[in-house]
């Protein structure tokens, strides 16, 4: 079980690496973000990454098949995510994704929400 968890962490890290770059690029486009001290920029990105990533991934959670699909088409099942995290966190992730999706926000609204999440992390 522990070896399986390690393999799943490695798999997830490969999927998340491009997402880190996307979050950094997104942050740079937020008005005045680049005027903050670089150390402050890094703190905001580091502390807010998971929440920002989760908001960005809400469209990629499939509630019918209980999967999380990444931009390259790769996916993880709920069971695989539960190996990486714990049952409670994965349950909350899927519940958040469903609730957020039910808001039917457009790309601009999601961008504004994501900026607020990042800047208040």
PDB file of N, CA and C in Angstrom:
ATOM      1  N   UNK A   1       0.821  -1.194   0.000  1.00  0.00           N
ATOM      2  CA  UNK A   1       0.000   0.000   0.000  1.00  0.00           C
ATOM      3  C   UNK A   1       0.867   1.262   0.000  1.00  0.00           C
ATOM      4  N   UNK A   2       1.921   1.276   0.825  1.00  0.00           N
ATOM      5  CA  UNK A   2       2.797   2.449   0.902  1.00  0.00           C
ATOM      6  C   UNK A   2       3.510   2.688  -0.429  1.00  0.00           C
ATOM      7  N   UNK A   3       3.971   1.628  -1.072  1.00  0.00           N
ATOM      8  CA  UNK A   3       4.634   1.752  -2.375  1.00  0.00           C
ATOM      9  C   UNK A   3       3.662   2.314  -3.412  1.00  0.00           C
ATOM     10  N   UNK A   4       2.421   1.852  -3.356  1.00  0.00           N
ATOM     11  CA  UNK A   4       1.390   2.336  -4.274  1.00  0.00           C
ATOM     12  C   UNK A   4       1.153   3.836  -4.057  1.00  0.00           C
ATOM     13  N   UNK A   5       1.162   4.256  -2.814  1.00  0.00           N
ATOM     14  CA  UNK A   5       0.974   5.672  -2.489  1.00  0.00           C
ATOM     15  C   UNK A   5       2.125   6.505  -3.048  1.00  0.00           C
ATOM     16  N   UNK A   6       3.339   6.012  -2.930  1.00  0.00           N
ATOM     17  CA  UNK A   6       4.509   6.720  -3.462  1.00  0.00           C
ATOM     18  C   UNK A   6       4.406   6.858  -4.974  1.00  0.00           C
ATOM     19  N   UNK A   7       4.026   5.787  -5.640  1.00  0.00           N
ATOM     20  CA  UNK A   7       3.874   5.815  -7.104  1.00  0.00           C
ATOM     21  C   UNK A   7       2.802   6.826  -7.499  1.00  0.00           C
ATOM     22  N   UNK A   8       1.696   6.872  -6.773  1.00  0.00           N
ATOM     23  CA  UNK A   8       0.626   7.817  -7.090  1.00  0.00           C
ATOM     24  C   UNK A   8       1.071   9.259  -6.848  1.00  0.00           C
ATOM     25  N   UNK A   9       1.858   9.508  -5.791  1.00  0.00           N
ATOM     26  CA  UNK A   9       2.397  10.850  -5.545  1.00  0.00           C
ATOM     27  C   UNK A   9       3.287  11.277  -6.711  1.00  0.00           C
ATOM     28  N   UNK A  10       4.126  10.362  -7.171  1.00  0.00           N
ATOM     29  CA  UNK A  10       5.007  10.668  -8.303  1.00  0.00           C
ATOM     30  C   UNK A  10       4.193  10.963  -9.553  1.00  0.00           C
ATOM     31  N   UNK A  11       3.149  10.191  -9.776  1.00  0.00           N
ATOM     32  CA  UNK A  11       2.280  10.406 -10.934  1.00  0.00           C
ATOM     33  C   UNK A  11       1.604  11.766 -10.844  1.00  0.00           C
ATOM     34  N   UNK A  12       1.037  12.066  -9.691  1.00  0.00           N
ATOM     35  CA  UNK A  12       0.367  13.352  -9.511  1.00  0.00           C
ATOM     36  C   UNK A  12       1.339  14.506  -9.693  1.00  0.00           C
ATOM     37  N   UNK A  13       2.549  14.372  -9.192  1.00  0.00           N
ATOM     38  CA  UNK A  13       3.523  15.461  -9.320  1.00  0.00           C
ATOM     39  C   UNK A  13       3.838  15.740 -10.786  1.00  0.00           C
ATOM     40  N   UNK A  14       3.865  14.716 -11.612  1.00  0.00           N
ATOM     41  CA  UNK A  14       4.105  14.918 -13.045  1.00  0.00           C
ATOM     42  C   UNK A  14       2.941  15.666 -13.697  1.00  0.00           C
ATOM     43  N   UNK A  15       1.725  15.391 -13.252  1.00  0.00           N
ATOM     44  CA  UNK A  15       0.555  16.088 -13.789  1.00  0.00           C
ATOM     45  C   UNK A  15       0.508  17.536 -13.315  1.00  0.00           C
ATOM     46  N   UNK A  16       0.966  17.775 -12.089  1.00  0.00           N
ATOM     47  CA  UNK A  16       0.845  19.107 -11.498  1.00  0.00           C
ATOM     48  C   UNK A  16       1.953  20.057 -11.947  1.00  0.00           C
ATOM     49  N   UNK A  17       3.102  19.544 -12.337  1.00  0.00           N
ATOM     50  CA  UNK A  17       4.205  20.430 -12.750  1.00  0.00           C
ATOM     51  C   UNK A  17       3.769  21.478 -13.773  1.00  0.00           C
ATOM     52  N   UNK A  18       3.094  21.100 -14.865  1.00  0.00           N
ATOM     53  CA  UNK A  18       2.658  22.140 -15.811  1.00  0.00           C
ATOM     54  C   UNK A  18       1.647  23.106 -15.192  1.00  0.00           C
ATOM     55  N   UNK A  19       0.867  22.626 -14.244  1.00  0.00           N
ATOM     56  CA  UNK A  19      -0.109  23.497 -13.582  1.00  0.00           C
ATOM     57  C   UNK A  19       0.582  24.576 -12.755  1.00  0.00           C
ATOM     58  N   UNK A  20       1.706  24.243 -12.165  1.00  0.00           N
ATOM     59  CA  UNK A  20       2.464  25.237 -11.399  1.00  0.00           C
ATOM     60  C   UNK A  20       2.864  26.389 -12.314  1.00  0.00           C
ATOM     61  N   UNK A  21       3.370  26.057 -13.489  1.00  0.00           N
ATOM     62  CA  UNK A  21       3.764  27.094 -14.447  1.00  0.00           C
ATOM     63  C   UNK A  21       2.560  27.932 -14.870  1.00  0.00           C
ATOM     64  N   UNK A  22       1.425  27.295 -15.078  1.00  0.00           N
ATOM     65  CA  UNK A  22       0.218  28.037 -15.464  1.00  0.00           C
ATOM     66  C   UNK A  22      -0.225  28.994 -14.358  1.00  0.00           C
ATOM     67  N   UNK A  23      -0.121  28.562 -13.118  1.00  0.00           N
ATOM     68  CA  UNK A  23      -0.501  29.430 -11.996  1.00  0.00           C
ATOM     69  C   UNK A  23       0.454  30.618 -11.906  1.00  0.00           C
ATOM     70  N   UNK A  24       1.738  30.382 -12.093  1.00  0.00           N
ATOM     71  CA  UNK A  24       2.721  31.471 -12.070  1.00  0.00           C
ATOM     72  C   UNK A  24       2.421  32.463 -13.195  1.00  0.00           C
ATOM     73  N   UNK A  25       2.154  31.966 -14.389  1.00  0.00           N
ATOM     74  CA  UNK A  25       1.841  32.851 -15.517  1.00  0.00           C
ATOM     75  C   UNK A  25       0.548  33.625 -15.258  1.00  0.00           C
ATOM     76  N   UNK A  26      -0.437  32.960 -14.686  1.00  0.00           N
ATOM     77  CA  UNK A  26      -1.687  33.633 -14.339  1.00  0.00           C
ATOM     78  C   UNK A  26      -1.411  34.762 -13.343  1.00  0.00           C
ATOM     79  N   UNK A  27      -0.639  34.467 -12.314  1.00  0.00           N
ATOM     80  CA  UNK A  27      -0.334  35.465 -11.283  1.00  0.00           C
ATOM     81  C   UNK A  27       0.347  36.689 -11.888  1.00  0.00           C
ATOM     82  N   UNK A  28       1.251  36.464 -12.823  1.00  0.00           N
ATOM     83  CA  UNK A  28       1.968  37.580 -13.452  1.00  0.00           C
ATOM     84  C   UNK A  28       1.020  38.506 -14.207  1.00  0.00           C
ATOM     85  N   UNK A  29      -0.130  37.991 -14.631  1.00  0.00           N
ATOM     86  CA  UNK A  29      -1.088  38.805 -15.385  1.00  0.00           C
ATOM     87  C   UNK A  29      -2.078  39.549 -14.480  1.00  0.00           C
ATOM     88  N   UNK A  30      -2.018  39.282 -13.184  1.00  0.00           N
ATOM     89  CA  UNK A  30      -2.884  40.020 -12.252  1.00  0.00           C
ATOM     90  C   UNK A  30      -2.309  41.427 -12.094  1.00  0.00           C
ATOM     91  N   UNK A  31      -3.176  42.418 -12.208  1.00  0.00           N
ATOM     92  CA  UNK A  31      -2.737  43.813 -12.126  1.00  0.00           C
ATOM     93  C   UNK A  31      -1.902  44.051 -10.868  1.00  0.00           C
ATOM     94  N   UNK A  32      -0.735  44.636 -11.068  1.00  0.00           N
ATOM     95  CA  UNK A  32       0.194  45.041 -10.002  1.00  0.00           C
ATOM     96  C   UNK A  32       0.850  43.886  -9.251  1.00  0.00           C
ATOM     97  N   UNK A  33       0.567  42.644  -9.614  1.00  0.00           N
ATOM     98  CA  UNK A  33       1.183  41.515  -8.915  1.00  0.00           C
ATOM     99  C   UNK A  33       2.696  41.568  -9.041  1.00  0.00           C
ATOM    100  N   UNK A  34       3.183  41.890 -10.220  1.00  0.00           N
ATOM    101  CA  UNK A  34       4.634  41.908 -10.431  1.00  0.00           C
ATOM    102  C   UNK A  34       5.305  43.089  -9.741  1.00  0.00           C
ATOM    103  N   UNK A  35       4.512  44.040  -9.249  1.00  0.00           N
ATOM    104  CA  UNK A  35       5.080  45.158  -8.503  1.00  0.00           C
ATOM    105  C   UNK A  35       5.340  44.793  -7.041  1.00  0.00           C
ATOM    106  N   UNK A  36       4.774  43.678  -6.597  1.00  0.00           N
ATOM    107  CA  UNK A  36       5.076  43.195  -5.245  1.00  0.00           C
ATOM    108  C   UNK A  36       6.516  42.724  -5.205  1.00  0.00           C
ATOM    109  N   UNK A  37       7.096  42.720  -4.018  1.00  0.00           N
ATOM    110  CA  UNK A  37       8.445  42.174  -3.890  1.00  0.00           C
ATOM    111  C   UNK A  37       8.396  40.706  -4.315  1.00  0.00           C
ATOM    112  N   UNK A  38       9.471  40.249  -4.961  1.00  0.00           N
ATOM    113  CA  UNK A  38       9.497  38.887  -5.471  1.00  0.00           C
ATOM    114  C   UNK A  38       9.246  37.863  -4.359  1.00  0.00           C
ATOM    115  N   UNK A  39       9.786  38.119  -3.182  1.00  0.00           N
ATOM    116  CA  UNK A  39       9.570  37.211  -2.053  1.00  0.00           C
ATOM    117  C   UNK A  39       8.080  37.116  -1.715  1.00  0.00           C
ATOM    118  N   UNK A  40       7.382  38.254  -1.749  1.00  0.00           N
ATOM    119  CA  UNK A  40       5.944  38.258  -1.468  1.00  0.00           C
ATOM    120  C   UNK A  40       5.175  37.519  -2.563  1.00  0.00           C
ATOM    121  N   UNK A  41       5.595  37.692  -3.807  1.00  0.00           N
ATOM    122  CA  UNK A  41       4.962  36.960  -4.906  1.00  0.00           C
ATOM    123  C   UNK A  41       5.079  35.453  -4.681  1.00  0.00           C
ATOM    124  N   UNK A  42       6.281  35.020  -4.323  1.00  0.00           N
ATOM    125  CA  UNK A  42       6.510  33.591  -4.094  1.00  0.00           C
ATOM    126  C   UNK A  42       5.677  33.067  -2.933  1.00  0.00           C
ATOM    127  N   UNK A  43       5.581  33.844  -1.870  1.00  0.00           N
ATOM    128  CA  UNK A  43       4.784  33.418  -0.715  1.00  0.00           C
ATOM    129  C   UNK A  43       3.321  33.248  -1.126  1.00  0.00           C
ATOM    130  N   UNK A  44       2.781  34.214  -1.857  1.00  0.00           N
ATOM    131  CA  UNK A  44       1.387  34.116  -2.289  1.00  0.00           C
ATOM    132  C   UNK A  44       1.165  32.898  -3.179  1.00  0.00           C
ATOM    133  N   UNK A  45       2.072  32.662  -4.109  1.00  0.00           N
ATOM    134  CA  UNK A  45       1.926  31.518  -5.009  1.00  0.00           C
ATOM    135  C   UNK A  45       2.052  30.209  -4.241  1.00  0.00           C
ATOM    136  N   UNK A  46       3.032  30.138  -3.360  1.00  0.00           N
ATOM    137  CA  UNK A  46       3.234  28.890  -2.606  1.00  0.00           C
ATOM    138  C   UNK A  46       2.069  28.595  -1.670  1.00  0.00           C
ATOM    139  N   UNK A  47       1.616  29.609  -0.955  1.00  0.00           N
ATOM    140  CA  UNK A  47       0.546  29.359   0.017  1.00  0.00           C
ATOM    141  C   UNK A  47      -0.819  29.195  -0.640  1.00  0.00           C
ATOM    142  N   UNK A  48      -0.992  29.780  -1.805  1.00  0.00           N
ATOM    143  CA  UNK A  48      -2.291  29.705  -2.464  1.00  0.00           C
ATOM    144  C   UNK A  48      -2.387  28.701  -3.587  1.00  0.00           C
ATOM    145  N   UNK A  49      -1.291  27.995  -3.872  1.00  0.00           N
ATOM    146  CA  UNK A  49      -1.298  27.117  -5.043  1.00  0.00           C
ATOM    147  C   UNK A  49      -2.406  26.070  -4.996  1.00  0.00           C
ATOM    148  N   UNK A  50      -2.536  25.346  -3.902  1.00  0.00           N
ATOM    149  CA  UNK A  50      -3.515  24.259  -3.870  1.00  0.00           C
ATOM    150  C   UNK A  50      -4.922  24.782  -4.125  1.00  0.00           C
ATOM    151  N   UNK A  51      -5.291  25.886  -3.476  1.00  0.00           N
ATOM    152  CA  UNK A  51      -6.622  26.451  -3.655  1.00  0.00           C
ATOM    153  C   UNK A  51      -6.827  26.938  -5.087  1.00  0.00           C
ATOM    154  N   UNK A  52      -5.825  27.614  -5.641  1.00  0.00           N
ATOM    155  CA  UNK A  52      -5.914  28.090  -7.024  1.00  0.00           C
ATOM    156  C   UNK A  52      -6.006  26.905  -7.973  1.00  0.00           C
ATOM    157  N   UNK A  53      -5.182  25.903  -7.753  1.00  0.00           N
ATOM    158  CA  UNK A  53      -5.208  24.704  -8.593  1.00  0.00           C
ATOM    159  C   UNK A  53      -6.575  24.039  -8.525  1.00  0.00           C
ATOM    160  N   UNK A  54      -7.132  23.952  -7.334  1.00  0.00           N
ATOM    161  CA  UNK A  54      -8.436  23.317  -7.167  1.00  0.00           C
ATOM    162  C   UNK A  54      -9.516  24.087  -7.921  1.00  0.00           C
ATOM    163  N   UNK A  55      -9.497  25.413  -7.843  1.00  0.00           N
ATOM    164  CA  UNK A  55     -10.469  26.220  -8.591  1.00  0.00           C
ATOM    165  C   UNK A  55     -10.300  25.983 -10.085  1.00  0.00           C
ATOM    166  N   UNK A  56      -9.060  25.979 -10.549  1.00  0.00           N
ATOM    167  CA  UNK A  56      -8.792  25.774 -11.979  1.00  0.00           C
ATOM    168  C   UNK A  56      -9.215  24.381 -12.437  1.00  0.00           C
ATOM    169  N   UNK A  57      -9.141  23.407 -11.547  1.00  0.00           N
ATOM    170  CA  UNK A  57      -9.432  22.025 -11.926  1.00  0.00           C
ATOM    171  C   UNK A  57     -10.907  21.653 -11.759  1.00  0.00           C
ATOM    172  N   UNK A  58     -11.736  22.555 -11.241  1.00  0.00           N
ATOM    173  CA  UNK A  58     -13.134  22.185 -10.998  1.00  0.00           C
ATOM    174  C   UNK A  58     -13.825  21.688 -12.259  1.00  0.00           C
ATOM    175  N   UNK A  59     -13.462  22.235 -13.387  1.00  0.00           N
ATOM    176  CA  UNK A  59     -14.068  21.783 -14.648  1.00  0.00           C
ATOM    177  C   UNK A  59     -13.560  20.410 -15.069  1.00  0.00           C
ATOM    178  N   UNK A  60     -12.483  19.974 -14.469  1.00  0.00           N
ATOM    179  CA  UNK A  60     -11.873  18.705 -14.860  1.00  0.00           C
ATOM    180  C   UNK A  60     -12.314  17.538 -13.978  1.00  0.00           C
ATOM    181  N   UNK A  61     -13.073  17.825 -12.926  1.00  0.00           N
ATOM    182  CA  UNK A  61     -13.618  16.755 -12.089  1.00  0.00           C
ATOM    183  C   UNK A  61     -14.860  16.206 -12.779  1.00  0.00           C
ATOM    184  N   UNK A  62     -14.888  14.905 -13.008  1.00  0.00           N
ATOM    185  CA  UNK A  62     -16.040  14.263 -13.626  1.00  0.00           C
ATOM    186  C   UNK A  62     -16.840  13.580 -12.524  1.00  0.00           C
ATOM    187  N   UNK A  63     -18.030  14.093 -12.289  1.00  0.00           N
ATOM    188  CA  UNK A  63     -18.848  13.573 -11.195  1.00  0.00           C
ATOM    189  C   UNK A  63     -19.478  12.221 -11.521  1.00  0.00           C
ATOM    190  N   UNK A  64     -19.605  11.899 -12.805  1.00  0.00           N
ATOM    191  CA  UNK A  64     -20.188  10.606 -13.171  1.00  0.00           C
ATOM    192  C   UNK A  64     -19.177   9.473 -13.006  1.00  0.00           C
ATOM    193  N   UNK A  65     -17.950   9.694 -13.486  1.00  0.00           N
ATOM    194  CA  UNK A  65     -16.933   8.637 -13.412  1.00  0.00           C
ATOM    195  C   UNK A  65     -15.999   8.811 -12.213  1.00  0.00           C
ATOM    196  N   UNK A  66     -16.194   9.887 -11.448  1.00  0.00           N
ATOM    197  CA  UNK A  66     -15.343  10.180 -10.287  1.00  0.00           C
ATOM    198  C   UNK A  66     -13.865  10.158 -10.672  1.00  0.00           C
ATOM    199  N   UNK A  67     -13.537  10.985 -11.675  1.00  0.00           N
ATOM    200  CA  UNK A  67     -12.153  11.111 -12.118  1.00  0.00           C
ATOM    201  C   UNK A  67     -11.768  12.581 -12.163  1.00  0.00           C
ATOM    202  N   UNK A  68     -10.472  12.819 -12.166  1.00  0.00           N
ATOM    203  CA  UNK A  68      -9.897  14.142 -12.356  1.00  0.00           C
ATOM    204  C   UNK A  68      -9.036  14.051 -13.601  1.00  0.00           C
ATOM    205  N   UNK A  69      -9.422  14.777 -14.654  1.00  0.00           N
ATOM    206  CA  UNK A  69      -8.724  14.722 -15.930  1.00  0.00           C
ATOM    207  C   UNK A  69      -7.811  15.935 -16.061  1.00  0.00           C
ATOM    208  N   UNK A  70      -6.578  15.695 -16.495  1.00  0.00           N
ATOM    209  CA  UNK A  70      -5.598  16.766 -16.659  1.00  0.00           C
ATOM    210  C   UNK A  70      -5.582  17.255 -18.100  1.00  0.00           C
ATOM    211  N   UNK A  71      -4.893  18.368 -18.346  1.00  0.00           N
ATOM    212  CA  UNK A  71      -4.918  19.013 -19.656  1.00  0.00           C
ATOM    213  C   UNK A  71      -4.395  18.127 -20.778  1.00  0.00           C
ATOM    214  N   UNK A  72      -3.549  17.154 -20.458  1.00  0.00           N
ATOM    215  CA  UNK A  72      -3.033  16.266 -21.502  1.00  0.00           C
ATOM    216  C   UNK A  72      -3.927  15.049 -21.735  1.00  0.00           C
ATOM    217  N   UNK A  73      -5.068  14.992 -21.048  1.00  0.00           N
ATOM    218  CA  UNK A  73      -5.989  13.873 -21.205  1.00  0.00           C
ATOM    219  C   UNK A  73      -5.783  12.761 -20.190  1.00  0.00           C
ATOM    220  N   UNK A  74      -4.687  12.800 -19.468  1.00  0.00           N
ATOM    221  CA  UNK A  74      -4.448  11.808 -18.417  1.00  0.00           C
ATOM    222  C   UNK A  74      -5.435  12.053 -17.284  1.00  0.00           C
ATOM    223  N   UNK A  75      -5.716  11.020 -16.536  1.00  0.00           N
ATOM    224  CA  UNK A  75      -6.657  11.196 -15.441  1.00  0.00           C
ATOM    225  C   UNK A  75      -6.299  10.312 -14.253  1.00  0.00           C
ATOM    226  N   UNK A  76      -6.828  10.706 -13.114  1.00  0.00           N
ATOM    227  CA  UNK A  76      -6.717   9.919 -11.891  1.00  0.00           C
ATOM    228  C   UNK A  76      -8.127   9.620 -11.412  1.00  0.00           C
ATOM    229  N   UNK A  77      -8.329   8.421 -10.913  1.00  0.00           N
ATOM    230  CA  UNK A  77      -9.627   8.062 -10.359  1.00  0.00           C
ATOM    231  C   UNK A  77      -9.722   8.568  -8.925  1.00  0.00           C
ATOM    232  N   UNK A  78     -10.923   8.584  -8.437  1.00  0.00           N
ATOM    233  CA  UNK A  78     -11.133   8.984  -7.041  1.00  0.00           C
ATOM    234  C   UNK A  78     -10.334   8.079  -6.104  1.00  0.00           C
ATOM    235  N   UNK A  79     -10.316   6.789  -6.395  1.00  0.00           N
ATOM    236  CA  UNK A  79      -9.580   5.842  -5.554  1.00  0.00           C
ATOM    237  C   UNK A  79      -8.082   6.155  -5.552  1.00  0.00           C
ATOM    238  N   UNK A  80      -7.551   6.532  -6.710  1.00  0.00           N
ATOM    239  CA  UNK A  80      -6.132   6.895  -6.781  1.00  0.00           C
ATOM    240  C   UNK A  80      -5.867   8.164  -5.978  1.00  0.00           C
ATOM    241  N   UNK A  81      -6.764   9.135  -6.082  1.00  0.00           N
ATOM    242  CA  UNK A  81      -6.613  10.364  -5.299  1.00  0.00           C
ATOM    243  C   UNK A  81      -6.677  10.073  -3.806  1.00  0.00           C
ATOM    244  N   UNK A  82      -7.510   9.112  -3.426  1.00  0.00           N
ATOM    245  CA  UNK A  82      -7.616   8.749  -2.009  1.00  0.00           C
ATOM    246  C   UNK A  82      -6.341   8.090  -1.499  1.00  0.00           C
ATOM    247  N   UNK A  83      -5.582   7.449  -2.392  1.00  0.00           N
ATOM    248  CA  UNK A  83      -4.284   6.902  -1.988  1.00  0.00           C
ATOM    249  C   UNK A  83      -3.295   8.028  -1.692  1.00  0.00           C
ATOM    250  N   UNK A  84      -3.396   9.100  -2.461  1.00  0.00           N
ATOM    251  CA  UNK A  84      -2.474  10.226  -2.324  1.00  0.00           C
ATOM    252  C   UNK A  84      -2.855  11.079  -1.114  1.00  0.00           C
ATOM    253  N   UNK A  85      -4.104  11.474  -1.073  1.00  0.00           N
ATOM    254  CA  UNK A  85      -4.598  12.304   0.023  1.00  0.00           C
ATOM    255  C   UNK A  85      -5.327  11.385   0.994  1.00  0.00           C
ATOM    256  N   UNK A  86      -6.342  11.881   1.636  1.00  0.00           N
ATOM    257  CA  UNK A  86      -7.166  11.006   2.469  1.00  0.00           C
ATOM    258  C   UNK A  86      -8.614  11.118   2.009  1.00  0.00           C
ATOM    259  N   UNK A  87      -9.427  10.211   2.461  1.00  0.00           N
ATOM    260  CA  UNK A  87     -10.816  10.135   2.025  1.00  0.00           C
ATOM    261  C   UNK A  87     -11.553  11.450   2.245  1.00  0.00           C
ATOM    262  N   UNK A  88     -11.370  12.061   3.411  1.00  0.00           N
ATOM    263  CA  UNK A  88     -12.085  13.303   3.716  1.00  0.00           C
ATOM    264  C   UNK A  88     -11.707  14.427   2.757  1.00  0.00           C
ATOM    265  N   UNK A  89     -10.416  14.584   2.483  1.00  0.00           N
ATOM    266  CA  UNK A  89      -9.978  15.648   1.581  1.00  0.00           C
ATOM    267  C   UNK A  89     -10.505  15.411   0.172  1.00  0.00           C
ATOM    268  N   UNK A  90     -10.425  14.199  -0.316  1.00  0.00           N
ATOM    269  CA  UNK A  90     -10.909  13.893  -1.671  1.00  0.00           C
ATOM    270  C   UNK A  90     -12.418  14.120  -1.751  1.00  0.00           C
ATOM    271  N   UNK A  91     -13.135  13.733  -0.723  1.00  0.00           N
ATOM    272  CA  UNK A  91     -14.583  13.974  -0.689  1.00  0.00           C
ATOM    273  C   UNK A  91     -14.866  15.471  -0.759  1.00  0.00           C
ATOM    274  N   UNK A  92     -14.116  16.269  -0.003  1.00  0.00           N
ATOM    275  CA  UNK A  92     -14.294  17.722  -0.031  1.00  0.00           C
ATOM    276  C   UNK A  92     -13.908  18.306  -1.387  1.00  0.00           C
ATOM    277  N   UNK A  93     -12.857  17.764  -2.020  1.00  0.00           N
ATOM    278  CA  UNK A  93     -12.446  18.250  -3.338  1.00  0.00           C
ATOM    279  C   UNK A  93     -13.564  18.040  -4.358  1.00  0.00           C
ATOM    280  N   UNK A  94     -14.142  16.847  -4.391  1.00  0.00           N
ATOM    281  CA  UNK A  94     -15.224  16.569  -5.334  1.00  0.00           C
ATOM    282  C   UNK A  94     -16.467  17.399  -5.004  1.00  0.00           C
ATOM    283  N   UNK A  95     -16.769  17.569  -3.722  1.00  0.00           N
ATOM    284  CA  UNK A  95     -17.921  18.381  -3.328  1.00  0.00           C
ATOM    285  C   UNK A  95     -17.710  19.841  -3.726  1.00  0.00           C
ATOM    286  N   UNK A  96     -16.496  20.358  -3.512  1.00  0.00           N
ATOM    287  CA  UNK A  96     -16.196  21.734  -3.916  1.00  0.00           C
ATOM    288  C   UNK A  96     -16.340  21.883  -5.424  1.00  0.00           C
ATOM    289  N   UNK A  97     -15.784  20.931  -6.176  1.00  0.00           N
ATOM    290  CA  UNK A  97     -15.855  20.994  -7.638  1.00  0.00           C
ATOM    291  C   UNK A  97     -17.307  21.009  -8.103  1.00  0.00           C
ATOM    292  N   UNK A  98     -18.131  20.182  -7.488  1.00  0.00           N
ATOM    293  CA  UNK A  98     -19.545  20.140  -7.875  1.00  0.00           C
ATOM    294  C   UNK A  98     -20.243  21.451  -7.533  1.00  0.00           C
ATOM    295  N   UNK A  99     -20.035  21.937  -6.319  1.00  0.00           N
ATOM    296  CA  UNK A  99     -20.657  23.189  -5.914  1.00  0.00           C
ATOM    297  C   UNK A  99     -20.197  24.372  -6.749  1.00  0.00           C
ATOM    298  N   UNK A 100     -18.911  24.420  -7.035  1.00  0.00           N
ATOM    299  CA  UNK A 100     -18.361  25.516  -7.832  1.00  0.00           C
ATOM    300  C   UNK A 100     -18.899  25.450  -9.256  1.00  0.00           C
ATOM    301  N   UNK A 101     -18.981  24.256  -9.811  1.00  0.00           N
ATOM    302  CA  UNK A 101     -19.516  24.086 -11.168  1.00  0.00           C
ATOM    303  C   UNK A 101     -20.970  24.524 -11.242  1.00  0.00           C
ATOM    304  N   UNK A 102     -21.708  24.307 -10.167  1.00  0.00           N
ATOM    305  CA  UNK A 102     -23.123  24.694 -10.140  1.00  0.00           C
ATOM    306  C   UNK A 102     -23.325  26.205 -10.187  1.00  0.00           C
ATOM    307  N   UNK A 103     -22.259  26.967  -9.970  1.00  0.00           N
ATOM    308  CA  UNK A 103     -22.350  28.427 -10.076  1.00  0.00           C
ATOM    309  C   UNK A 103     -22.416  28.884 -11.530  1.00  0.00           C
ATOM    310  N   UNK A 104     -21.975  28.027 -12.457  1.00  0.00           N
ATOM    311  CA  UNK A 104     -21.988  28.313 -13.897  1.00  0.00           C
ATOM    312  C   UNK A 104     -21.271  29.626 -14.223  1.00  0.00           C
ATOM    313  N   UNK A 105     -20.080  29.796 -13.659  1.00  0.00           N
ATOM    314  CA  UNK A 105     -19.289  30.995 -13.913  1.00  0.00           C
ATOM    315  C   UNK A 105     -18.625  30.905 -15.277  1.00  0.00           C
ATOM    316  N   UNK A 106     -18.469  32.057 -15.927  1.00  0.00           N
ATOM    317  CA  UNK A 106     -17.739  32.073 -17.196  1.00  0.00           C
ATOM    318  C   UNK A 106     -16.243  32.209 -16.905  1.00  0.00           C
ATOM    319  N   UNK A 107     -15.427  32.158 -17.944  1.00  0.00           N
ATOM    320  CA  UNK A 107     -13.973  32.198 -17.761  1.00  0.00           C
ATOM    321  C   UNK A 107     -13.508  33.466 -17.043  1.00  0.00           C
ATOM    322  N   UNK A 108     -14.105  34.602 -17.378  1.00  0.00           N
ATOM    323  CA  UNK A 108     -13.723  35.856 -16.733  1.00  0.00           C
ATOM    324  C   UNK A 108     -14.029  35.852 -15.247  1.00  0.00           C
ATOM    325  N   UNK A 109     -15.197  35.345 -14.897  1.00  0.00           N
ATOM    326  CA  UNK A 109     -15.582  35.278 -13.488  1.00  0.00           C
ATOM    327  C   UNK A 109     -14.688  34.311 -12.714  1.00  0.00           C
ATOM    328  N   UNK A 110     -14.348  33.199 -13.343  1.00  0.00           N
ATOM    329  CA  UNK A 110     -13.438  32.246 -12.701  1.00  0.00           C
ATOM    330  C   UNK A 110     -12.067  32.886 -12.516  1.00  0.00           C
ATOM    331  N   UNK A 111     -11.625  33.646 -13.514  1.00  0.00           N
ATOM    332  CA  UNK A 111     -10.344  34.342 -13.406  1.00  0.00           C
ATOM    333  C   UNK A 111     -10.331  35.334 -12.252  1.00  0.00           C
ATOM    334  N   UNK A 112     -11.398  36.110 -12.117  1.00  0.00           N
ATOM    335  CA  UNK A 112     -11.490  37.068 -11.007  1.00  0.00           C
ATOM    336  C   UNK A 112     -11.508  36.352  -9.660  1.00  0.00           C
ATOM    337  N   UNK A 113     -12.289  35.290  -9.571  1.00  0.00           N
ATOM    338  CA  UNK A 113     -12.350  34.522  -8.328  1.00  0.00           C
ATOM    339  C   UNK A 113     -10.978  33.953  -7.989  1.00  0.00           C
ATOM    340  N   UNK A 114     -10.302  33.414  -8.999  1.00  0.00           N
ATOM    341  CA  UNK A 114      -8.980  32.822  -8.796  1.00  0.00           C
ATOM    342  C   UNK A 114      -7.981  33.875  -8.325  1.00  0.00           C
ATOM    343  N   UNK A 115      -8.058  35.072  -8.902  1.00  0.00           N
ATOM    344  CA  UNK A 115      -7.159  36.153  -8.479  1.00  0.00           C
ATOM    345  C   UNK A 115      -7.396  36.508  -7.013  1.00  0.00           C
ATOM    346  N   UNK A 116      -8.652  36.573  -6.614  1.00  0.00           N
ATOM    347  CA  UNK A 116      -8.968  36.870  -5.211  1.00  0.00           C
ATOM    348  C   UNK A 116      -8.417  35.775  -4.304  1.00  0.00           C
ATOM    349  N   UNK A 117      -8.602  34.525  -4.706  1.00  0.00           N
ATOM    350  CA  UNK A 117      -8.085  33.401  -3.913  1.00  0.00           C
ATOM    351  C   UNK A 117      -6.574  33.524  -3.754  1.00  0.00           C
ATOM    352  N   UNK A 118      -5.887  33.804  -4.848  1.00  0.00           N
ATOM    353  CA  UNK A 118      -4.425  33.897  -4.802  1.00  0.00           C
ATOM    354  C   UNK A 118      -3.960  35.059  -3.927  1.00  0.00           C
ATOM    355  N   UNK A 119      -4.589  36.200  -4.085  1.00  0.00           N
ATOM    356  CA  UNK A 119      -4.141  37.390  -3.367  1.00  0.00           C
ATOM    357  C   UNK A 119      -4.537  37.395  -1.893  1.00  0.00           C
ATOM    358  N   UNK A 120      -5.440  36.524  -1.509  1.00  0.00           N
ATOM    359  CA  UNK A 120      -5.858  36.471  -0.104  1.00  0.00           C
ATOM    360  C   UNK A 120      -5.377  35.205   0.591  1.00  0.00           C
ATOM    361  N   UNK A 121      -4.468  34.476  -0.062  1.00  0.00           N
ATOM    362  CA  UNK A 121      -3.995  33.217   0.534  1.00  0.00           C
ATOM    363  C   UNK A 121      -3.004  33.471   1.649  1.00  0.00           C
TER     364      UNK A 121
END
